[in-house]
Amino acid sequence: MGLILLGIYPYRPNSVIGWAILYIVSLPIVLLIEYVGMKVFEKSDERGLGWAGRIAYGVVAISAVMFALYTAFTTAKPYLVTWDG
């Protein structure tokens, strides 16, 4: 949860329900990113790809995760406030 808060700084949830949702949602997000990382960076002989194919696959997979996180953040932004306000 702390890493997610650092990622969306200077924003934070503006209610107790928002904090609860952040707490509940943070674990699946971190596990999803960990899973994608494990699949992308496994040994190359298991995937049957060369080094260029693995790099391309990694770029596409990480870009998809970043796009999903960006979409989630822009969707949640109206429910967030800055730390000073």
PDB file of N, CA and C in Angstrom:
ATOM      1  N   MET A   1       0.833  -1.185   0.000  1.00  0.00           N
ATOM      2  CA  MET A   1       0.000   0.000   0.000  1.00  0.00           C
ATOM      3  C   MET A   1       0.877   1.248   0.000  1.00  0.00           C
ATOM      4  N   GLY A   2       1.985   1.201   0.717  1.00  0.00           N
ATOM      5  CA  GLY A   2       2.881   2.355   0.765  1.00  0.00           C
ATOM      6  C   GLY A   2       3.455   2.681  -0.595  1.00  0.00           C
ATOM      7  N   LEU A   3       3.804   1.654  -1.373  1.00  0.00           N
ATOM      8  CA  LEU A   3       4.333   1.902  -2.707  1.00  0.00           C
ATOM      9  C   LEU A   3       3.276   2.520  -3.620  1.00  0.00           C
ATOM     10  N   ILE A   4       2.048   2.103  -3.466  1.00  0.00           N
ATOM     11  CA  ILE A   4       0.974   2.690  -4.267  1.00  0.00           C
ATOM     12  C   ILE A   4       0.759   4.144  -3.872  1.00  0.00           C
ATOM     13  N   LEU A   5       0.813   4.438  -2.581  1.00  0.00           N
ATOM     14  CA  LEU A   5       0.696   5.828  -2.132  1.00  0.00           C
ATOM     15  C   LEU A   5       1.831   6.681  -2.680  1.00  0.00           C
ATOM     16  N   LEU A   6       3.047   6.124  -2.699  1.00  0.00           N
ATOM     17  CA  LEU A   6       4.163   6.869  -3.294  1.00  0.00           C
ATOM     18  C   LEU A   6       3.935   7.089  -4.787  1.00  0.00           C
ATOM     19  N   GLY A   7       3.353   6.109  -5.442  1.00  0.00           N
ATOM     20  CA  GLY A   7       3.100   6.221  -6.872  1.00  0.00           C
ATOM     21  C   GLY A   7       2.062   7.261  -7.238  1.00  0.00           C
ATOM     22  N   ILE A   8       1.088   7.497  -6.359  1.00  0.00           N
ATOM     23  CA  ILE A   8       0.040   8.473  -6.677  1.00  0.00           C
ATOM     24  C   ILE A   8       0.239   9.797  -5.954  1.00  0.00           C
ATOM     25  N   TYR A   9       1.403   9.949  -5.254  1.00  0.00           N
ATOM     26  CA  TYR A   9       1.670  11.199  -4.549  1.00  0.00           C
ATOM     27  C   TYR A   9       1.568  12.363  -5.518  1.00  0.00           C
ATOM     28  N   PRO A  10       0.938  13.455  -5.226  1.00  0.00           N
ATOM     29  CA  PRO A  10       0.536  14.018  -3.954  1.00  0.00           C
ATOM     30  C   PRO A  10      -0.912  13.721  -3.592  1.00  0.00           C
ATOM     31  N   TYR A  11      -1.502  12.696  -4.186  1.00  0.00           N
ATOM     32  CA  TYR A  11      -2.902  12.370  -3.905  1.00  0.00           C
ATOM     33  C   TYR A  11      -3.019  11.316  -2.828  1.00  0.00           C
ATOM     34  N   ARG A  12      -4.171  11.293  -2.177  1.00  0.00           N
ATOM     35  CA  ARG A  12      -4.492  10.287  -1.168  1.00  0.00           C
ATOM     36  C   ARG A  12      -6.004  10.136  -1.149  1.00  0.00           C
ATOM     37  N   PRO A  13      -6.520   9.021  -0.614  1.00  0.00           N
ATOM     38  CA  PRO A  13      -7.967   8.868  -0.483  1.00  0.00           C
ATOM     39  C   PRO A  13      -8.536   9.940   0.451  1.00  0.00           C
ATOM     40  N   ASN A  14      -9.778  10.343   0.192  1.00  0.00           N
ATOM     41  CA  ASN A  14     -10.370  11.421   0.989  1.00  0.00           C
ATOM     42  C   ASN A  14     -11.410  10.946   1.994  1.00  0.00           C
ATOM     43  N   SER A  15     -11.533   9.639   2.208  1.00  0.00           N
ATOM     44  CA  SER A  15     -12.499   9.141   3.189  1.00  0.00           C
ATOM     45  C   SER A  15     -12.010   7.813   3.754  1.00  0.00           C
ATOM     46  N   VAL A  16     -12.672   7.375   4.803  1.00  0.00           N
ATOM     47  CA  VAL A  16     -12.331   6.085   5.406  1.00  0.00           C
ATOM     48  C   VAL A  16     -12.604   4.957   4.419  1.00  0.00           C
ATOM     49  N   ILE A  17     -13.684   5.078   3.674  1.00  0.00           N
ATOM     50  CA  ILE A  17     -14.012   4.063   2.666  1.00  0.00           C
ATOM     51  C   ILE A  17     -12.937   4.036   1.585  1.00  0.00           C
ATOM     52  N   GLY A  18     -12.449   5.213   1.184  1.00  0.00           N
ATOM     53  CA  GLY A  18     -11.378   5.283   0.197  1.00  0.00           C
ATOM     54  C   GLY A  18     -10.101   4.614   0.681  1.00  0.00           C
ATOM     55  N   TRP A  19      -9.757   4.826   1.958  1.00  0.00           N
ATOM     56  CA  TRP A  19      -8.575   4.170   2.528  1.00  0.00           C
ATOM     57  C   TRP A  19      -8.766   2.662   2.572  1.00  0.00           C
ATOM     58  N   ALA A  20      -9.967   2.218   2.925  1.00  0.00           N
ATOM     59  CA  ALA A  20     -10.251   0.777   2.975  1.00  0.00           C
ATOM     60  C   ALA A  20     -10.139   0.158   1.591  1.00  0.00           C
ATOM     61  N   ILE A  21     -10.675   0.830   0.588  1.00  0.00           N
ATOM     62  CA  ILE A  21     -10.593   0.325  -0.782  1.00  0.00           C
ATOM     63  C   ILE A  21      -9.139   0.264  -1.238  1.00  0.00           C
ATOM     64  N   LEU A  22      -8.362   1.310  -0.936  1.00  0.00           N
ATOM     65  CA  LEU A  22      -6.939   1.307  -1.294  1.00  0.00           C
ATOM     66  C   LEU A  22      -6.230   0.137  -0.627  1.00  0.00           C
ATOM     67  N   TYR A  23      -6.519  -0.106   0.628  1.00  0.00           N
ATOM     68  CA  TYR A  23      -5.891  -1.196   1.356  1.00  0.00           C
ATOM     69  C   TYR A  23      -6.269  -2.548   0.761  1.00  0.00           C
ATOM     70  N   ILE A  24      -7.533  -2.730   0.433  1.00  0.00           N
ATOM     71  CA  ILE A  24      -8.009  -4.004  -0.105  1.00  0.00           C
ATOM     72  C   ILE A  24      -7.512  -4.228  -1.528  1.00  0.00           C
ATOM     73  N   VAL A  25      -7.458  -3.182  -2.329  1.00  0.00           N
ATOM     74  CA  VAL A  25      -7.083  -3.307  -3.734  1.00  0.00           C
ATOM     75  C   VAL A  25      -5.567  -3.374  -3.922  1.00  0.00           C
ATOM     76  N   SER A  26      -4.800  -2.863  -2.967  1.00  0.00           N
ATOM     77  CA  SER A  26      -3.356  -2.801  -3.159  1.00  0.00           C
ATOM     78  C   SER A  26      -2.706  -4.179  -3.261  1.00  0.00           C
ATOM     79  N   LEU A  27      -3.163  -5.142  -2.504  1.00  0.00           N
ATOM     80  CA  LEU A  27      -2.564  -6.476  -2.560  1.00  0.00           C
ATOM     81  C   LEU A  27      -2.759  -7.136  -3.926  1.00  0.00           C
ATOM     82  N   PRO A  28      -3.971  -7.166  -4.500  1.00  0.00           N
ATOM     83  CA  PRO A  28      -4.106  -7.760  -5.831  1.00  0.00           C
ATOM     84  C   PRO A  28      -3.301  -7.020  -6.903  1.00  0.00           C
ATOM     85  N   ILE A  29      -3.171  -5.704  -6.789  1.00  0.00           N
ATOM     86  CA  ILE A  29      -2.384  -4.959  -7.773  1.00  0.00           C
ATOM     87  C   ILE A  29      -0.926  -5.373  -7.705  1.00  0.00           C
ATOM     88  N   VAL A  30      -0.380  -5.451  -6.512  1.00  0.00           N
ATOM     89  CA  VAL A  30       1.018  -5.844  -6.348  1.00  0.00           C
ATOM     90  C   VAL A  30       1.227  -7.284  -6.811  1.00  0.00           C
ATOM     91  N   LEU A  31       0.302  -8.173  -6.505  1.00  0.00           N
ATOM     92  CA  LEU A  31       0.419  -9.560  -6.950  1.00  0.00           C
ATOM     93  C   LEU A  31       0.327  -9.671  -8.466  1.00  0.00           C
ATOM     94  N   LEU A  32      -0.518  -8.866  -9.101  1.00  0.00           N
ATOM     95  CA  LEU A  32      -0.626  -8.862 -10.555  1.00  0.00           C
ATOM     96  C   LEU A  32       0.681  -8.414 -11.197  1.00  0.00           C
ATOM     97  N   ILE A  33       1.263  -7.348 -10.664  1.00  0.00           N
ATOM     98  CA  ILE A  33       2.522  -6.862 -11.209  1.00  0.00           C
ATOM     99  C   ILE A  33       3.625  -7.903 -11.001  1.00  0.00           C
ATOM    100  N   GLU A  34       3.644  -8.551  -9.857  1.00  0.00           N
ATOM    101  CA  GLU A  34       4.621  -9.605  -9.585  1.00  0.00           C
ATOM    102  C   GLU A  34       4.447 -10.781 -10.552  1.00  0.00           C
ATOM    103  N   TYR A  35       3.206 -11.169 -10.806  1.00  0.00           N
ATOM    104  CA  TYR A  35       2.924 -12.271 -11.723  1.00  0.00           C
ATOM    105  C   TYR A  35       3.388 -11.946 -13.136  1.00  0.00           C
ATOM    106  N   VAL A  36       3.080 -10.736 -13.603  1.00  0.00           N
ATOM    107  CA  VAL A  36       3.507 -10.327 -14.944  1.00  0.00           C
ATOM    108  C   VAL A  36       5.025 -10.325 -15.023  1.00  0.00           C
ATOM    109  N   GLY A  37       5.684  -9.819 -13.998  1.00  0.00           N
ATOM    110  CA  GLY A  37       7.139  -9.814 -13.977  1.00  0.00           C
ATOM    111  C   GLY A  37       7.724 -11.211 -14.028  1.00  0.00           C
ATOM    112  N   MET A  38       7.132 -12.137 -13.297  1.00  0.00           N
ATOM    113  CA  MET A  38       7.622 -13.518 -13.316  1.00  0.00           C
ATOM    114  C   MET A  38       7.443 -14.146 -14.694  1.00  0.00           C
ATOM    115  N   LYS A  39       6.323 -13.894 -15.338  1.00  0.00           N
ATOM    116  CA  LYS A  39       6.075 -14.471 -16.651  1.00  0.00           C
ATOM    117  C   LYS A  39       6.984 -13.855 -17.716  1.00  0.00           C
ATOM    118  N   VAL A  40       7.240 -12.574 -17.621  1.00  0.00           N
ATOM    119  CA  VAL A  40       8.050 -11.891 -18.630  1.00  0.00           C
ATOM    120  C   VAL A  40       9.518 -12.283 -18.514  1.00  0.00           C
ATOM    121  N   PHE A  41      10.011 -12.388 -17.299  1.00  0.00           N
ATOM    122  CA  PHE A  41      11.440 -12.570 -17.107  1.00  0.00           C
ATOM    123  C   PHE A  41      11.839 -13.985 -16.700  1.00  0.00           C
ATOM    124  N   GLU A  42      11.032 -14.979 -17.113  1.00  0.00           N
ATOM    125  CA  GLU A  42      11.422 -16.369 -16.907  1.00  0.00           C
ATOM    126  C   GLU A  42      12.584 -16.717 -17.828  1.00  0.00           C
ATOM    127  N   LYS A  43      13.114 -17.927 -17.667  1.00  0.00           N
ATOM    128  CA  LYS A  43      14.213 -18.359 -18.532  1.00  0.00           C
ATOM    129  C   LYS A  43      13.735 -18.407 -19.983  1.00  0.00           C
ATOM    130  N   SER A  44      14.584 -17.961 -20.897  1.00  0.00           N
ATOM    131  CA  SER A  44      14.175 -17.832 -22.296  1.00  0.00           C
ATOM    132  C   SER A  44      13.923 -19.164 -22.975  1.00  0.00           C
ATOM    133  N   ASP A  45      14.615 -20.238 -22.568  1.00  0.00           N
ATOM    134  CA  ASP A  45      14.393 -21.524 -23.238  1.00  0.00           C
ATOM    135  C   ASP A  45      13.006 -22.090 -22.947  1.00  0.00           C
ATOM    136  N   GLU A  46      12.371 -21.677 -21.855  1.00  0.00           N
ATOM    137  CA  GLU A  46      11.015 -22.126 -21.553  1.00  0.00           C
ATOM    138  C   GLU A  46       9.992 -21.442 -22.452  1.00  0.00           C
ATOM    139  N   ARG A  47      10.248 -20.217 -22.829  1.00  0.00           N
ATOM    140  CA  ARG A  47       9.301 -19.473 -23.657  1.00  0.00           C
ATOM    141  C   ARG A  47       9.567 -19.686 -25.141  1.00  0.00           C
ATOM    142  N   GLY A  48      10.754 -20.148 -25.502  1.00  0.00           N
ATOM    143  CA  GLY A  48      11.058 -20.371 -26.905  1.00  0.00           C
ATOM    144  C   GLY A  48      11.322 -19.090 -27.668  1.00  0.00           C
ATOM    145  N   LEU A  49      11.607 -18.007 -26.974  1.00  0.00           N
ATOM    146  CA  LEU A  49      11.889 -16.734 -27.610  1.00  0.00           C
ATOM    147  C   LEU A  49      13.368 -16.412 -27.466  1.00  0.00           C
ATOM    148  N   GLY A  50      13.894 -15.702 -28.428  1.00  0.00           N
ATOM    149  CA  GLY A  50      15.254 -15.204 -28.300  1.00  0.00           C
ATOM    150  C   GLY A  50      15.274 -13.977 -27.419  1.00  0.00           C
ATOM    151  N   TRP A  51      16.460 -13.394 -27.276  1.00  0.00           N
ATOM    152  CA  TRP A  51      16.580 -12.224 -26.402  1.00  0.00           C
ATOM    153  C   TRP A  51      15.779 -11.048 -26.934  1.00  0.00           C
ATOM    154  N   ALA A  52      15.711 -10.850 -28.243  1.00  0.00           N
ATOM    155  CA  ALA A  52      14.947  -9.735 -28.813  1.00  0.00           C
ATOM    156  C   ALA A  52      13.444  -9.957 -28.615  1.00  0.00           C
ATOM    157  N   GLY A  53      13.019 -11.185 -28.772  1.00  0.00           N
ATOM    158  CA  GLY A  53      11.604 -11.494 -28.565  1.00  0.00           C
ATOM    159  C   GLY A  53      11.189 -11.305 -27.117  1.00  0.00           C
ATOM    160  N   ARG A  54      12.068 -11.687 -26.191  1.00  0.00           N
ATOM    161  CA  ARG A  54      11.766 -11.504 -24.768  1.00  0.00           C
ATOM    162  C   ARG A  54      11.712 -10.027 -24.407  1.00  0.00           C
ATOM    163  N   ILE A  55      12.613  -9.233 -24.988  1.00  0.00           N
ATOM    164  CA  ILE A  55      12.587  -7.794 -24.722  1.00  0.00           C
ATOM    165  C   ILE A  55      11.300  -7.185 -25.263  1.00  0.00           C
ATOM    166  N   ALA A  56      10.934  -7.535 -26.486  1.00  0.00           N
ATOM    167  CA  ALA A  56       9.702  -7.016 -27.071  1.00  0.00           C
ATOM    168  C   ALA A  56       8.485  -7.444 -26.254  1.00  0.00           C
ATOM    169  N   TYR A  57       8.465  -8.703 -25.833  1.00  0.00           N
ATOM    170  CA  TYR A  57       7.366  -9.211 -25.015  1.00  0.00           C
ATOM    171  C   TYR A  57       7.291  -8.457 -23.691  1.00  0.00           C
ATOM    172  N   GLY A  58       8.441  -8.224 -23.079  1.00  0.00           N
ATOM    173  CA  GLY A  58       8.488  -7.478 -21.815  1.00  0.00           C
ATOM    174  C   GLY A  58       7.989  -6.061 -21.961  1.00  0.00           C
ATOM    175  N   VAL A  59       8.389  -5.396 -23.044  1.00  0.00           N
ATOM    176  CA  VAL A  59       7.937  -4.017 -23.275  1.00  0.00           C
ATOM    177  C   VAL A  59       6.428  -3.967 -23.461  1.00  0.00           C
ATOM    178  N   VAL A  60       5.897  -4.894 -24.219  1.00  0.00           N
ATOM    179  CA  VAL A  60       4.449  -4.921 -24.451  1.00  0.00           C
ATOM    180  C   VAL A  60       3.701  -5.245 -23.152  1.00  0.00           C
ATOM    181  N   ALA A  61       4.171  -6.228 -22.404  1.00  0.00           N
ATOM    182  CA  ALA A  61       3.481  -6.616 -21.166  1.00  0.00           C
ATOM    183  C   ALA A  61       3.527  -5.504 -20.131  1.00  0.00           C
ATOM    184  N   ILE A  62       4.686  -4.894 -19.947  1.00  0.00           N
ATOM    185  CA  ILE A  62       4.801  -3.820 -18.962  1.00  0.00           C
ATOM    186  C   ILE A  62       4.020  -2.593 -19.405  1.00  0.00           C
ATOM    187  N   SER A  63       3.988  -2.319 -20.713  1.00  0.00           N
ATOM    188  CA  SER A  63       3.180  -1.205 -21.219  1.00  0.00           C
ATOM    189  C   SER A  63       1.700  -1.439 -20.958  1.00  0.00           C
ATOM    190  N   ALA A  64       1.250  -2.677 -21.119  1.00  0.00           N
ATOM    191  CA  ALA A  64      -0.155  -2.993 -20.856  1.00  0.00           C
ATOM    192  C   ALA A  64      -0.488  -2.797 -19.377  1.00  0.00           C
ATOM    193  N   VAL A  65       0.411  -3.221 -18.497  1.00  0.00           N
ATOM    194  CA  VAL A  65       0.182  -3.032 -17.063  1.00  0.00           C
ATOM    195  C   VAL A  65       0.182  -1.550 -16.721  1.00  0.00           C
ATOM    196  N   MET A  66       1.123  -0.795 -17.264  1.00  0.00           N
ATOM    197  CA  MET A  66       1.184   0.649 -17.000  1.00  0.00           C
ATOM    198  C   MET A  66      -0.078   1.353 -17.512  1.00  0.00           C
ATOM    199  N   PHE A  67      -0.581   0.949 -18.679  1.00  0.00           N
ATOM    200  CA  PHE A  67      -1.814   1.536 -19.206  1.00  0.00           C
ATOM    201  C   PHE A  67      -2.998   1.221 -18.288  1.00  0.00           C
ATOM    202  N   ALA A  68      -3.055  -0.012 -17.797  1.00  0.00           N
ATOM    203  CA  ALA A  68      -4.141  -0.387 -16.889  1.00  0.00           C
ATOM    204  C   ALA A  68      -4.063   0.411 -15.586  1.00  0.00           C
ATOM    205  N   LEU A  69      -2.857   0.588 -15.057  1.00  0.00           N
ATOM    206  CA  LEU A  69      -2.696   1.373 -13.828  1.00  0.00           C
ATOM    207  C   LEU A  69      -3.030   2.842 -14.058  1.00  0.00           C
ATOM    208  N   TYR A  70      -2.633   3.386 -15.204  1.00  0.00           N
ATOM    209  CA  TYR A  70      -2.960   4.771 -15.529  1.00  0.00           C
ATOM    210  C   TYR A  70      -4.473   4.956 -15.639  1.00  0.00           C
ATOM    211  N   THR A  71      -5.136   4.016 -16.298  1.00  0.00           N
ATOM    212  CA  THR A  71      -6.591   4.079 -16.431  1.00  0.00           C
ATOM    213  C   THR A  71      -7.268   3.997 -15.062  1.00  0.00           C
ATOM    214  N   ALA A  72      -6.776   3.114 -14.204  1.00  0.00           N
ATOM    215  CA  ALA A  72      -7.342   2.997 -12.853  1.00  0.00           C
ATOM    216  C   ALA A  72      -7.131   4.288 -12.072  1.00  0.00           C
ATOM    217  N   PHE A  73      -5.953   4.896 -12.198  1.00  0.00           N
ATOM    218  CA  PHE A  73      -5.672   6.136 -11.473  1.00  0.00           C
ATOM    219  C   PHE A  73      -6.551   7.271 -11.970  1.00  0.00           C
ATOM    220  N   THR A  74      -6.710   7.425 -13.275  1.00  0.00           N
ATOM    221  CA  THR A  74      -7.547   8.512 -13.787  1.00  0.00           C
ATOM    222  C   THR A  74      -9.018   8.288 -13.426  1.00  0.00           C
ATOM    223  N   THR A  75      -9.439   7.044 -13.311  1.00  0.00           N
ATOM    224  CA  THR A  75     -10.804   6.756 -12.891  1.00  0.00           C
ATOM    225  C   THR A  75     -10.999   7.109 -11.417  1.00  0.00           C
ATOM    226  N   ALA A  76      -9.985   6.840 -10.593  1.00  0.00           N
ATOM    227  CA  ALA A  76     -10.089   7.089  -9.154  1.00  0.00           C
ATOM    228  C   ALA A  76      -9.746   8.527  -8.762  1.00  0.00           C
ATOM    229  N   LYS A  77      -9.174   9.308  -9.669  1.00  0.00           N
ATOM    230  CA  LYS A  77      -8.699  10.646  -9.323  1.00  0.00           C
ATOM    231  C   LYS A  77      -9.770  11.558  -8.730  1.00  0.00           C
ATOM    232  N   PRO A  78     -11.019  11.521  -9.184  1.00  0.00           N
ATOM    233  CA  PRO A  78     -12.034  12.378  -8.550  1.00  0.00           C
ATOM    234  C   PRO A  78     -12.278  12.049  -7.073  1.00  0.00           C
ATOM    235  N   TYR A  79     -11.914  10.865  -6.647  1.00  0.00           N
ATOM    236  CA  TYR A  79     -12.130  10.451  -5.264  1.00  0.00           C
ATOM    237  C   TYR A  79     -10.891  10.657  -4.386  1.00  0.00           C
ATOM    238  N   LEU A  80      -9.867  11.282  -4.944  1.00  0.00           N
ATOM    239  CA  LEU A  80      -8.626  11.523  -4.215  1.00  0.00           C
ATOM    240  C   LEU A  80      -8.458  12.995  -3.945  1.00  0.00           C
ATOM    241  N   VAL A  81      -7.729  13.331  -2.889  1.00  0.00           N
ATOM    242  CA  VAL A  81      -7.395  14.711  -2.566  1.00  0.00           C
ATOM    243  C   VAL A  81      -5.898  14.790  -2.376  1.00  0.00           C
ATOM    244  N   THR A  82      -5.345  16.016  -2.407  1.00  0.00           N
ATOM    245  CA  THR A  82      -3.924  16.172  -2.170  1.00  0.00           C
ATOM    246  C   THR A  82      -3.670  16.191  -0.665  1.00  0.00           C
ATOM    247  N   TRP A  83      -2.445  15.928  -0.279  1.00  0.00           N
ATOM    248  CA  TRP A  83      -2.094  15.875   1.131  1.00  0.00           C
ATOM    249  C   TRP A  83      -2.251  17.240   1.801  1.00  0.00           C
ATOM    250  N   ASP A  84      -2.049  18.316   1.053  1.00  0.00           N
ATOM    251  CA  ASP A  84      -2.156  19.646   1.673  1.00  0.00           C
ATOM    252  C   ASP A  84      -3.561  20.203   1.618  1.00  0.00           C
ATOM    253  N   GLY A  85      -4.479  19.543   0.956  1.00  0.00           N
ATOM    254  CA  GLY A  85      -5.825  20.098   0.837  1.00  0.00           C
ATOM    255  C   GLY A  85      -6.843  19.129   1.106  1.00  0.00           C
TER     256      GLY A  85
END
